[in-house]
Amino acid sequence: MSKILLLFIMCLLAVFIAFSGCIQSETDVQSPVTVSGAAFENVSDRLVLKDACTPFECGNESDYNDLLAGAPGGAAANKTGIADYSNQSWSSAFLSLNTLLDERYAFKEWRSVDFDRLYSTYAPAFADAEEKQDKAAYYRALREYLFSIPDGHVNVLPLSGEFGARSADIGGGYGIGIIQLDSGKVIVSYVAEGSEAEDAGIAFGDEVLTWNEEEINDAVNETSYIWATKKPSTNEGILLHRERLITRAPVGTTASVSVAGESGDVRAVNLTAYDDGYEGLKKTSFFLGKEVNDYGVDKAWEDILPQFTSDKVTYRVLPGGYTYIAIYEESFDVYEPFRAAMISAIESGSPGIVLDLRFNNGGDDNLAACFAGWFVEEPVFYEYTTTYDPGTGEFPVASETWSSPQPEGYTGPVAVLVSPDTVSSGEGVAMVFKNTGRGKIISWYGTDGAFGMNNVQAIMPLDMYVMFPDGASLDKNGNIQVDSNAELTGGVSPDIRVPLNEETVARAMDGEDVQLTYALEWLAGQ
């Protein structure tokens, strides 16, 4: 469990106590913070971290972890462990889970989630799966239920596998990929060699008009995205995954597709889904800057990152002397390589930095605030965190964190790359750049829009671990920040959107990191 916790739930651990002179706790009593009508009390228990880099500069991970577990009184004193429903029947466990979410999910009002309606909607599927003892149907029902809550942090880790449900649903590809351009036009972005699509003359750039005799945009919007590995929380993130998944189906399924070629001729083509080893999905992951098999892995929480790198931070010098730093998560051991990369950039007089957060899994919010501190010129408020108090049924403020300028900080221009796969604390780094106007966020898409205090909350039958946030991140005015709302608007959007047109998509499909190109062009103009 330690690696899973590291990658997905360290955002919960934003609490501090005094640390051998390195961390100074502050318990200044302030007026209660109110958000969405809820009064946050116990503010006297709030612990303030004025400089988020302090614990990481101190460098003792063991002490740091001990302190993370030593939360102050109030809500922490009433905390309960992970709810274990694993020995219940599937239907009973679902009822228990729904009740738990209804009580403790931090964004129920923010995202207008009606848990009574959700229970009525999905209980029949759990009952049917239980009656048939269909493990795949049970797992599929669980994913469909969780994906009906538009929060990338509400998800399930199937530690014992998926019982063939995913491969049964999307194991087949039609040999093509599609993408919607800025103009609204939907084009073919990929055609597999030797496929029926290629034999039928479908080519890159062909406009897709209909799918199974339905207008293409309507068909995309009706496509399920429950197999997205990094669950999207915004409209654009959901649309992107739907575009990728409309071209997937059970092996042997047929689809009728009408396309218009360069000459304007319209033709309908019948395609049959075949087992392509998820190659079609790999080809449509170009928004990450490279081809990645982000769907067809057994354990998404540990099998995707190695396709990028074996490191948690990568660093290199680009032509022109620009520094490229990619951060893939916020964990204690990431700070030193990040610090070394920053010192190298500063000492070499780098004229600009590209900070790549496009596949940042999240982690420790305090480290994210620290990263941002290397670029700010004055203290910047990062967040209040709240946490559910089972004793009161409220969400009191638990901590307060600031990004403070570091003595050896970088003052040059910074281009930040993000994507819908930038999630949780990774979004926090981008948030500081957005809020301060420091540098520019340059990307095709915004971030995931899931920024709450996430944790494994329940164990379901068949070794299913369910996560959801029982706390929120608030801005200095006490408002929820970054998390998408009921209209699926949220995340951190680019300051400069890289155009999505036939030219840029073609360049990306040919292997160019187009977003990086645009970032370097912007830096050169500074």
Protein backbone atom coordinates (compact mmCIF):
# COMPACT_ATOMS: atom_id res chain seq x y z
CA MET A 1 0.00 0.00 0.00
CA SER A 2 2.87 2.43 0.58
CA LYS A 3 3.43 3.17 -3.11
CA ILE A 4 -0.29 3.62 -3.73
CA LEU A 5 -0.54 6.00 -0.82
CA LEU A 6 2.52 7.84 -2.08
CA LEU A 7 1.12 8.45 -5.52
CA PHE A 8 -2.49 9.12 -4.73
CA ILE A 9 -3.20 10.26 -1.21
CA MET A 10 -0.34 12.25 0.29
CA CYS A 11 -2.35 15.44 -0.27
CA LEU A 12 -4.16 14.48 2.94
CA LEU A 13 -1.00 14.86 4.97
CA ALA A 14 -0.72 18.65 5.15
CA VAL A 15 -0.43 19.01 8.92
CA PHE A 16 2.56 19.92 11.02
CA ILE A 17 3.87 20.23 14.58
CA ALA A 18 7.08 21.75 15.91
CA PHE A 19 10.14 19.99 14.49
CA SER A 20 13.45 20.37 16.29
CA GLY A 21 13.65 24.04 15.39
CA CYS A 22 13.00 23.40 11.68
CA ILE A 23 9.20 23.62 11.67
CA GLN A 24 7.51 26.10 13.97
CA SER A 25 3.84 25.48 14.63
CA GLU A 26 1.51 28.44 14.92
CA THR A 27 -1.89 28.22 16.55
CA ASP A 28 -3.17 31.75 16.14
CA VAL A 29 -6.91 31.85 16.76
CA GLN A 30 -8.75 33.49 13.88
CA SER A 31 -12.39 33.97 12.94
CA PRO A 32 -14.15 30.83 11.67
CA VAL A 33 -13.88 30.34 7.91
CA THR A 34 -17.18 29.79 6.11
CA VAL A 35 -17.53 28.06 2.75
CA SER A 36 -20.84 27.10 1.14
CA GLY A 37 -22.61 27.85 4.39
CA ALA A 38 -20.42 25.55 6.50
CA ALA A 39 -18.63 27.10 9.47
CA PHE A 40 -15.10 25.82 9.96
CA GLU A 41 -14.30 25.75 13.63
CA ASN A 42 -11.31 24.53 15.62
CA VAL A 43 -9.19 27.14 13.91
CA SER A 44 -7.12 27.29 17.10
CA ASP A 45 -5.87 23.85 16.05
CA ARG A 46 -4.75 25.11 12.67
CA LEU A 47 -1.03 24.67 12.08
CA VAL A 48 0.62 27.22 9.84
CA LEU A 49 3.61 26.50 7.62
CA LYS A 50 4.98 29.89 6.62
CA ASP A 51 7.71 28.42 4.42
CA ALA A 52 6.73 25.15 2.80
CA CYS A 53 10.34 24.27 2.00
CA THR A 54 11.41 24.14 5.65
CA PRO A 55 10.77 20.42 6.31
CA PHE A 56 12.37 19.40 3.02
CA GLU A 57 15.42 21.54 3.59
CA CYS A 58 15.76 19.89 7.01
CA GLY A 59 16.01 16.62 5.11
CA ASN A 60 14.87 14.04 7.66
CA GLU A 61 12.11 12.02 5.99
CA SER A 62 11.56 9.73 8.95
CA ASP A 63 10.90 12.62 11.30
CA TYR A 64 8.76 14.30 8.66
CA ASN A 65 6.57 11.22 8.26
CA ASP A 66 6.22 10.89 12.00
CA LEU A 67 5.09 14.47 12.17
CA LEU A 68 2.59 14.04 9.34
CA ALA A 69 0.93 11.33 11.39
CA GLY A 70 0.93 13.54 14.48
CA ALA A 71 -1.91 15.85 13.50
CA PRO A 72 -3.23 18.33 16.09
CA GLY A 73 -6.39 17.82 18.12
CA GLY A 74 -9.93 18.53 17.02
CA ALA A 75 -10.83 16.65 13.84
CA ALA A 76 -7.73 14.47 13.96
CA ALA A 77 -8.64 13.22 17.43
CA ASN A 78 -11.93 11.91 16.04
CA LYS A 79 -10.51 10.34 12.88
CA THR A 80 -11.46 6.78 12.07
CA GLY A 81 -9.55 4.25 10.00
CA ILE A 82 -10.31 2.93 6.55
CA ALA A 83 -13.83 1.49 6.46
CA ASP A 84 -13.70 -2.24 5.75
CA TYR A 85 -16.74 -3.58 3.88
CA SER A 86 -14.85 -6.46 2.28
CA ASN A 87 -16.80 -9.16 4.14
CA GLN A 88 -20.21 -7.74 3.28
CA SER A 89 -22.30 -8.84 0.33
CA TRP A 90 -21.73 -6.78 -2.80
CA SER A 91 -25.09 -5.01 -2.44
CA SER A 92 -24.62 -4.31 1.25
CA ALA A 93 -21.10 -3.03 0.66
CA PHE A 94 -22.40 -0.67 -2.00
CA LEU A 95 -25.01 0.68 0.41
CA SER A 96 -22.33 1.17 3.06
CA LEU A 97 -20.01 2.93 0.59
CA ASN A 98 -22.74 5.24 -0.65
CA THR A 99 -23.63 6.15 2.93
CA LEU A 100 -19.98 6.85 3.71
CA LEU A 101 -19.58 9.11 0.69
CA ASP A 102 -22.82 10.92 1.50
CA GLU A 103 -21.45 11.68 4.96
CA ARG A 104 -17.81 12.43 4.26
CA TYR A 105 -17.30 13.47 0.65
CA ALA A 106 -15.99 17.03 0.86
CA PHE A 107 -17.53 18.29 -2.39
CA LYS A 108 -21.10 16.99 -2.18
CA GLU A 109 -22.62 20.46 -2.38
CA TRP A 110 -19.85 21.93 -4.54
CA ARG A 111 -20.47 19.35 -7.26
CA SER A 112 -24.21 18.93 -6.55
CA VAL A 113 -23.96 15.19 -5.96
CA ASP A 114 -27.25 13.50 -4.99
CA PHE A 115 -26.23 10.25 -3.29
CA ASP A 116 -29.82 9.06 -2.83
CA ARG A 117 -30.31 9.28 -6.59
CA LEU A 118 -26.98 7.57 -7.26
CA TYR A 119 -27.89 4.71 -4.94
CA SER A 120 -31.24 4.20 -6.68
CA THR A 121 -29.53 4.32 -10.07
CA TYR A 122 -26.76 1.80 -9.42
CA ALA A 123 -28.14 -0.54 -6.74
CA PRO A 124 -29.86 -2.74 -9.37
CA ALA A 125 -26.55 -3.31 -11.17
CA PHE A 126 -24.86 -4.42 -7.93
CA ALA A 127 -27.80 -6.68 -7.08
CA ASP A 128 -27.75 -8.27 -10.53
CA ALA A 129 -23.98 -8.84 -10.42
CA GLU A 130 -24.33 -10.36 -6.95
CA GLU A 131 -27.11 -12.70 -8.00
CA LYS A 132 -25.04 -13.94 -10.94
CA GLN A 133 -21.75 -13.78 -9.00
CA ASP A 134 -20.36 -11.92 -11.99
CA LYS A 135 -17.15 -10.32 -10.74
CA ALA A 136 -16.60 -8.32 -13.93
CA ALA A 137 -20.13 -6.90 -13.74
CA TYR A 138 -19.59 -6.00 -10.06
CA TYR A 139 -16.36 -4.17 -10.84
CA ARG A 140 -17.94 -2.42 -13.83
CA ALA A 141 -20.87 -1.27 -11.68
CA LEU A 142 -18.45 0.10 -9.09
CA ARG A 143 -16.53 2.07 -11.72
CA GLU A 144 -19.72 3.40 -13.31
CA TYR A 145 -20.96 4.55 -9.91
CA LEU A 146 -17.70 6.28 -8.98
CA PHE A 147 -17.32 7.85 -12.43
CA SER A 148 -20.78 9.37 -12.09
CA ILE A 149 -19.19 11.64 -9.46
CA PRO A 150 -17.20 14.19 -11.52
CA ASP A 151 -14.06 14.17 -9.39
CA GLY A 152 -10.76 12.65 -10.49
CA HIS A 153 -10.02 11.77 -6.87
CA VAL A 154 -13.10 9.54 -6.54
CA ASN A 155 -11.79 6.28 -7.90
CA VAL A 156 -11.02 2.64 -7.21
CA LEU A 157 -7.78 0.68 -7.05
CA PRO A 158 -8.49 -2.93 -8.10
CA LEU A 159 -5.61 -4.59 -6.29
CA SER A 160 -6.66 -8.09 -7.37
CA GLY A 161 -7.37 -7.18 -10.97
CA GLU A 162 -10.31 -6.22 -13.14
CA PHE A 163 -11.71 -9.71 -13.88
CA GLY A 164 -11.56 -9.08 -17.62
CA ALA A 165 -14.06 -6.20 -17.53
CA ARG A 166 -11.83 -3.62 -19.18
CA SER A 167 -10.56 -5.84 -21.98
CA ALA A 168 -14.11 -7.04 -22.61
CA ASP A 169 -15.31 -3.45 -23.02
CA ILE A 170 -12.45 -1.68 -24.82
CA GLY A 171 -10.01 -4.42 -25.84
CA GLY A 172 -10.81 -3.91 -29.50
CA GLY A 173 -9.75 -1.01 -31.69
CA TYR A 174 -11.04 0.08 -35.09
CA GLY A 175 -7.62 1.06 -36.37
CA ILE A 176 -8.24 4.80 -36.17
CA GLY A 177 -8.04 7.66 -33.71
CA ILE A 178 -9.97 10.92 -33.78
CA ILE A 179 -9.54 14.40 -32.27
CA GLN A 180 -11.64 17.56 -32.17
CA LEU A 181 -9.79 20.64 -33.39
CA ASP A 182 -10.21 24.17 -32.09
CA SER A 183 -12.51 24.83 -35.03
CA GLY A 184 -14.91 22.14 -33.80
CA LYS A 185 -14.05 19.91 -36.72
CA VAL A 186 -13.39 16.26 -35.82
CA ILE A 187 -10.64 14.63 -37.84
CA VAL A 188 -8.91 11.29 -38.11
CA SER A 189 -5.65 11.63 -36.18
CA TYR A 190 -4.29 8.10 -36.61
CA VAL A 191 -4.72 5.18 -38.98
CA ALA A 192 -3.19 1.80 -38.18
CA GLU A 193 -1.06 0.20 -40.86
CA GLY A 194 -2.72 -2.82 -42.43
CA SER A 195 -6.08 -2.08 -40.82
CA GLU A 196 -9.51 -2.13 -42.45
CA ALA A 197 -9.53 1.63 -42.09
CA GLU A 198 -6.34 1.97 -44.13
CA ASP A 199 -7.58 -0.51 -46.72
CA ALA A 200 -10.77 1.55 -47.03
CA GLY A 201 -8.74 4.66 -47.81
CA ILE A 202 -9.26 6.51 -44.54
CA ALA A 203 -6.35 8.91 -44.05
CA PHE A 204 -5.04 11.41 -41.54
CA GLY A 205 -7.02 14.65 -41.66
CA ASP A 206 -10.22 13.13 -43.02
CA GLU A 207 -13.20 14.80 -41.37
CA VAL A 208 -15.34 12.41 -39.33
CA LEU A 209 -19.02 13.14 -39.88
CA THR A 210 -20.97 10.32 -38.26
CA TRP A 211 -20.41 7.30 -36.07
CA ASN A 212 -22.95 4.50 -36.35
CA GLU A 213 -25.18 6.92 -38.25
CA GLU A 214 -25.14 9.46 -35.42
CA GLU A 215 -23.61 12.92 -35.75
CA ILE A 216 -20.04 12.58 -34.52
CA ASN A 217 -20.19 15.09 -31.66
CA ASP A 218 -23.38 13.52 -30.32
CA ALA A 219 -21.80 10.09 -30.58
CA VAL A 220 -18.69 11.25 -28.72
CA ASN A 221 -20.74 12.82 -25.95
CA GLU A 222 -22.57 9.53 -25.40
CA THR A 223 -19.37 7.50 -25.12
CA SER A 224 -18.56 6.05 -21.71
CA TYR A 225 -15.20 7.06 -20.23
CA ILE A 226 -15.19 4.78 -17.17
CA TRP A 227 -11.94 3.15 -18.29
CA ALA A 228 -9.94 6.38 -18.19
CA THR A 229 -6.92 5.62 -16.01
CA LYS A 230 -6.54 9.18 -14.78
CA LYS A 231 -10.16 10.07 -14.24
CA PRO A 232 -10.98 13.52 -15.68
CA SER A 233 -12.86 16.16 -13.70
CA THR A 234 -13.48 18.87 -16.31
CA ASN A 235 -15.49 19.13 -19.51
CA GLU A 236 -12.40 19.25 -21.71
CA GLY A 237 -10.77 16.32 -19.91
CA ILE A 238 -13.90 14.21 -20.27
CA LEU A 239 -14.23 15.14 -23.93
CA LEU A 240 -10.63 14.13 -24.61
CA HIS A 241 -11.11 10.66 -23.11
CA ARG A 242 -14.43 10.20 -24.89
CA GLU A 243 -12.75 11.03 -28.19
CA ARG A 244 -10.13 8.40 -27.48
CA LEU A 245 -12.62 5.78 -26.33
CA ILE A 246 -15.24 6.08 -29.06
CA THR A 247 -12.82 4.14 -31.27
CA ARG A 248 -12.74 1.25 -28.77
CA ALA A 249 -15.20 -1.62 -28.41
CA PRO A 250 -15.39 -5.33 -27.61
CA VAL A 251 -13.40 -7.34 -30.12
CA GLY A 252 -15.61 -8.26 -33.07
CA THR A 253 -17.95 -5.27 -32.74
CA THR A 254 -18.71 -3.47 -36.00
CA ALA A 255 -19.09 0.27 -36.49
CA SER A 256 -20.18 2.38 -39.45
CA VAL A 257 -18.14 5.55 -39.91
CA SER A 258 -18.68 8.27 -42.49
CA VAL A 259 -15.76 10.51 -43.38
CA ALA A 260 -15.06 13.29 -45.83
CA GLY A 261 -11.71 13.26 -47.60
CA GLU A 262 -9.58 16.17 -48.78
CA SER A 263 -11.58 16.39 -51.99
CA GLY A 264 -14.83 16.57 -50.05
CA ASP A 265 -16.05 13.15 -51.11
CA VAL A 266 -18.09 11.49 -48.35
CA ARG A 267 -17.97 7.75 -47.88
CA ALA A 268 -19.26 5.33 -45.27
CA VAL A 269 -16.95 2.58 -44.07
CA ASN A 270 -17.76 -0.43 -41.93
CA LEU A 271 -15.01 -1.33 -39.47
CA THR A 272 -14.60 -4.30 -37.14
CA ALA A 273 -12.88 -3.95 -33.77
CA TYR A 274 -9.79 -6.15 -33.39
CA ASP A 275 -7.30 -6.81 -30.62
CA ASP A 276 -4.57 -4.23 -31.21
CA GLY A 277 -2.95 -4.50 -27.79
CA TYR A 278 -4.31 -1.00 -27.02
CA GLU A 279 -2.05 0.42 -29.73
CA GLY A 280 -4.77 2.84 -30.87
CA LEU A 281 -4.99 4.34 -27.39
CA LYS A 282 -1.23 4.60 -27.17
CA LYS A 283 -1.19 6.58 -30.41
CA THR A 284 -3.79 9.05 -29.13
CA SER A 285 -1.85 9.95 -25.97
CA PHE A 286 0.13 12.58 -27.87
CA PHE A 287 -1.10 15.33 -25.53
CA LEU A 288 1.47 14.01 -23.04
CA GLY A 289 4.28 14.80 -25.44
CA LYS A 290 4.97 11.17 -26.29
CA GLU A 291 3.17 7.92 -27.00
CA VAL A 292 2.18 6.24 -23.76
CA ASN A 293 0.15 3.12 -23.08
CA ASP A 294 -1.97 4.75 -20.39
CA TYR A 295 -4.95 2.40 -20.73
CA GLY A 296 -3.66 -1.09 -21.31
CA VAL A 297 -1.59 -1.60 -18.16
CA ASP A 298 -2.48 -3.90 -15.28
CA LYS A 299 -1.72 -1.43 -12.48
CA ALA A 300 -2.15 2.15 -13.60
CA TRP A 301 -0.79 3.47 -10.31
CA GLU A 302 2.64 1.95 -10.97
CA ASP A 303 2.87 0.80 -14.60
CA ILE A 304 2.52 4.07 -16.51
CA LEU A 305 5.25 6.30 -15.10
CA PRO A 306 8.11 3.90 -16.06
CA GLN A 307 7.15 4.51 -19.69
CA PHE A 308 8.32 8.10 -19.17
CA THR A 309 11.28 7.59 -16.89
CA SER A 310 12.62 5.63 -13.97
CA ASP A 311 13.14 8.93 -12.11
CA LYS A 312 10.68 11.17 -10.31
CA VAL A 313 12.43 14.28 -11.62
CA THR A 314 14.22 14.59 -14.95
CA TYR A 315 16.48 17.46 -15.96
CA ARG A 316 18.34 18.44 -19.11
CA VAL A 317 19.67 21.49 -20.90
CA LEU A 318 17.91 22.35 -24.14
CA PRO A 319 19.31 24.22 -27.16
CA GLY A 320 19.80 27.86 -26.28
CA GLY A 321 20.73 26.99 -22.72
CA TYR A 322 17.15 26.66 -21.52
CA THR A 323 16.57 24.27 -18.63
CA TYR A 324 13.94 21.53 -18.83
CA ILE A 325 12.69 20.07 -15.54
CA ALA A 326 9.92 17.46 -15.45
CA ILE A 327 8.35 16.62 -12.09
CA TYR A 328 6.29 13.45 -11.93
CA GLU A 329 5.12 13.47 -8.31
CA GLU A 330 5.47 15.27 -5.00
CA SER A 331 7.15 12.93 -2.52
CA PHE A 332 9.91 13.66 -0.03
CA ASP A 333 12.69 12.15 -2.12
CA VAL A 334 11.78 14.36 -5.09
CA TYR A 335 12.99 17.53 -3.40
CA GLU A 336 16.73 16.92 -3.61
CA PRO A 337 16.86 16.18 -7.37
CA PHE A 338 14.53 19.13 -7.99
CA ARG A 339 16.74 21.36 -5.85
CA ALA A 340 19.86 20.16 -7.67
CA ALA A 341 18.25 20.92 -11.04
CA MET A 342 17.27 24.40 -9.88
CA ILE A 343 20.73 25.17 -8.51
CA SER A 344 22.28 24.02 -11.78
CA ALA A 345 19.93 26.24 -13.79
CA ILE A 346 20.65 29.23 -11.59
CA GLU A 347 24.42 28.78 -11.52
CA SER A 348 24.58 28.30 -15.28
CA GLY A 349 22.59 31.47 -15.88
CA SER A 350 19.82 29.62 -17.72
CA PRO A 351 17.81 32.16 -19.74
CA GLY A 352 14.56 30.31 -19.07
CA ILE A 353 13.05 27.20 -17.49
CA VAL A 354 10.47 24.78 -18.86
CA LEU A 355 8.65 23.15 -15.96
CA ASP A 356 6.87 20.04 -17.26
CA LEU A 357 3.99 18.84 -15.07
CA ARG A 358 2.07 17.01 -17.80
CA PHE A 359 2.22 13.63 -16.07
CA ASN A 360 2.38 14.68 -12.45
CA ASN A 361 0.66 12.13 -10.20
CA GLY A 362 0.36 14.48 -7.23
CA GLY A 363 1.43 13.69 -3.70
CA ASP A 364 2.38 16.06 -0.87
CA ASP A 365 0.80 19.51 -1.15
CA ASN A 366 3.47 21.02 1.06
CA LEU A 367 6.16 19.97 -1.38
CA ALA A 368 4.16 21.46 -4.25
CA ALA A 369 4.01 24.73 -2.31
CA CYS A 370 7.75 24.45 -1.77
CA PHE A 371 8.45 23.94 -5.48
CA ALA A 372 6.50 27.11 -6.23
CA GLY A 373 8.57 28.94 -3.60
CA TRP A 374 11.63 28.63 -5.84
CA PHE A 375 9.97 30.97 -8.34
CA VAL A 376 7.97 33.52 -6.34
CA GLU A 377 9.33 36.91 -5.34
CA GLU A 378 7.22 37.39 -2.19
CA PRO A 379 5.26 35.07 0.13
CA VAL A 380 2.20 33.62 -1.61
CA PHE A 381 -0.72 32.02 0.20
CA TYR A 382 -1.00 28.42 -1.00
CA GLU A 383 -3.99 26.94 0.83
CA TYR A 384 -6.05 26.17 3.85
CA THR A 385 -6.82 22.46 4.08
CA THR A 386 -10.00 21.12 5.63
CA THR A 387 -10.69 17.62 6.90
CA TYR A 388 -13.86 15.81 7.90
CA ASP A 389 -14.46 15.56 11.65
CA PRO A 390 -16.59 12.47 12.44
CA GLY A 391 -17.25 13.88 15.88
CA THR A 392 -19.01 17.00 14.62
CA GLY A 393 -19.91 16.18 11.03
CA GLU A 394 -18.10 19.37 9.97
CA PHE A 395 -15.05 20.12 7.81
CA PRO A 396 -12.78 22.29 9.99
CA VAL A 397 -9.62 23.95 8.73
CA ALA A 398 -6.64 21.76 9.63
CA SER A 399 -3.66 23.61 8.20
CA GLU A 400 -2.40 26.68 6.39
CA THR A 401 0.51 26.69 3.95
CA TRP A 402 2.49 29.40 2.18
CA SER A 403 4.94 29.41 -0.71
CA SER A 404 7.83 31.62 0.39
CA PRO A 405 10.73 32.86 -1.75
CA GLN A 406 13.80 30.69 -1.46
CA PRO A 407 17.23 32.30 -0.92
CA GLU A 408 18.55 30.82 -4.16
CA GLY A 409 15.31 31.18 -6.11
CA TYR A 410 15.01 31.64 -9.88
CA THR A 411 13.87 35.00 -11.26
CA GLY A 412 13.98 34.34 -15.01
CA PRO A 413 11.05 33.43 -17.30
CA VAL A 414 9.29 30.10 -16.75
CA ALA A 415 7.04 28.16 -19.11
CA VAL A 416 4.83 25.57 -17.39
CA LEU A 417 3.41 22.59 -19.28
CA VAL A 418 0.26 20.88 -17.97
CA SER A 419 -2.35 18.39 -19.17
CA PRO A 420 -5.48 16.60 -17.92
CA ASP A 421 -2.99 14.11 -16.45
CA THR A 422 -1.69 16.86 -14.14
CA VAL A 423 -3.61 15.99 -11.00
CA SER A 424 -3.85 16.90 -7.31
CA SER A 425 -0.76 18.58 -5.82
CA GLY A 426 0.75 18.79 -9.31
CA GLU A 427 -2.04 21.23 -10.05
CA GLY A 428 -1.00 23.24 -7.00
CA VAL A 429 2.35 24.14 -8.55
CA ALA A 430 0.57 25.41 -11.66
CA MET A 431 -2.00 27.18 -9.46
CA VAL A 432 0.67 29.39 -7.89
CA PHE A 433 2.00 30.37 -11.31
CA LYS A 434 -1.56 31.13 -12.42
CA ASN A 435 -2.44 33.16 -9.33
CA THR A 436 0.77 35.21 -9.36
CA GLY A 437 1.16 35.69 -13.10
CA ARG A 438 4.68 34.35 -12.72
CA GLY A 439 5.66 32.86 -16.08
CA LYS A 440 3.14 31.34 -18.47
CA ILE A 441 1.23 28.06 -18.57
CA ILE A 442 1.53 26.89 -22.17
CA SER A 443 -0.39 23.75 -23.16
CA TRP A 444 -3.17 22.22 -25.22
CA TYR A 445 -5.36 21.49 -22.22
CA GLY A 446 -5.82 22.49 -18.58
CA THR A 447 -5.21 20.31 -15.54
CA ASP A 448 -7.40 17.54 -14.13
CA GLY A 449 -9.44 19.63 -11.67
CA ALA A 450 -9.11 17.31 -8.63
CA PHE A 451 -7.36 19.08 -5.77
CA GLY A 452 -9.02 17.85 -2.58
CA MET A 453 -7.43 16.06 0.36
CA ASN A 454 -7.60 12.54 -1.02
CA ASN A 455 -7.30 9.23 0.81
CA VAL A 456 -8.19 5.57 0.62
CA GLN A 457 -11.49 5.53 2.48
CA ALA A 458 -13.01 2.08 2.06
CA ILE A 459 -12.18 -1.53 1.21
CA MET A 460 -14.84 -3.21 -0.89
CA PRO A 461 -15.32 -6.91 -1.66
CA LEU A 462 -12.83 -8.49 -4.08
CA ASP A 463 -9.96 -6.31 -2.85
CA MET A 464 -11.27 -3.03 -4.25
CA TYR A 465 -9.84 0.05 -2.51
CA VAL A 466 -12.01 3.15 -2.93
CA MET A 467 -10.56 6.65 -2.64
CA PHE A 468 -12.30 9.96 -2.22
CA PRO A 469 -11.43 13.36 -0.69
CA ASP A 470 -12.71 14.08 2.81
CA GLY A 471 -11.25 17.58 2.78
CA ALA A 472 -10.88 20.53 0.46
CA SER A 473 -8.23 23.08 -0.47
CA LEU A 474 -9.37 26.64 0.16
CA ASP A 475 -7.98 29.95 -1.03
CA LYS A 476 -7.21 32.83 1.33
CA ASN A 477 -10.88 33.91 1.21
CA GLY A 478 -12.06 30.45 2.24
CA ASN A 479 -13.31 29.45 -1.21
CA ILE A 480 -12.74 26.04 -2.77
CA GLN A 481 -9.92 26.27 -5.30
CA VAL A 482 -8.94 24.27 -8.40
CA ASP A 483 -11.51 21.48 -7.90
CA SER A 484 -14.05 21.51 -10.74
CA ASN A 485 -17.60 22.50 -9.88
CA ALA A 486 -21.00 21.08 -10.81
CA GLU A 487 -20.63 22.57 -14.30
CA LEU A 488 -17.30 20.70 -14.66
CA THR A 489 -15.35 23.94 -14.80
CA GLY A 490 -12.11 23.95 -12.85
CA GLY A 491 -8.48 22.95 -12.88
CA VAL A 492 -5.74 25.31 -13.99
CA SER A 493 -6.14 26.48 -17.57
CA PRO A 494 -3.32 27.53 -19.90
CA ASP A 495 -2.40 31.18 -20.25
CA ILE A 496 -1.35 30.38 -23.80
CA ARG A 497 -3.24 27.54 -25.48
CA VAL A 498 -1.26 25.71 -28.10
CA PRO A 499 -3.52 25.60 -31.17
CA LEU A 500 -5.12 22.28 -32.00
CA ASN A 501 -5.27 22.23 -35.77
CA GLU A 502 -4.35 19.81 -38.51
CA GLU A 503 -0.79 21.11 -38.64
CA THR A 504 -0.02 20.82 -34.92
CA VAL A 505 -1.73 17.44 -34.61
CA ALA A 506 0.24 16.14 -37.62
CA ARG A 507 3.47 17.35 -36.06
CA ALA A 508 2.60 15.67 -32.76
CA MET A 509 1.69 12.40 -34.46
CA ASP A 510 5.06 12.53 -36.23
CA GLY A 511 6.78 12.61 -32.85
CA GLU A 512 7.36 16.31 -32.19
CA ASP A 513 6.66 17.62 -28.69
CA VAL A 514 4.65 20.54 -30.03
CA GLN A 515 3.82 22.00 -26.63
CA LEU A 516 7.52 22.10 -25.75
CA THR A 517 8.21 23.82 -29.05
CA TYR A 518 5.69 26.54 -28.23
CA ALA A 519 7.13 26.91 -24.73
CA LEU A 520 10.63 27.42 -26.11
CA GLU A 521 9.36 29.93 -28.67
CA TRP A 522 7.72 31.91 -25.87
CA LEU A 523 10.88 31.80 -23.77
CA ALA A 524 12.93 33.00 -26.73
CA GLY A 525 10.61 36.01 -26.96
CA GLN A 526 11.34 37.00 -23.37
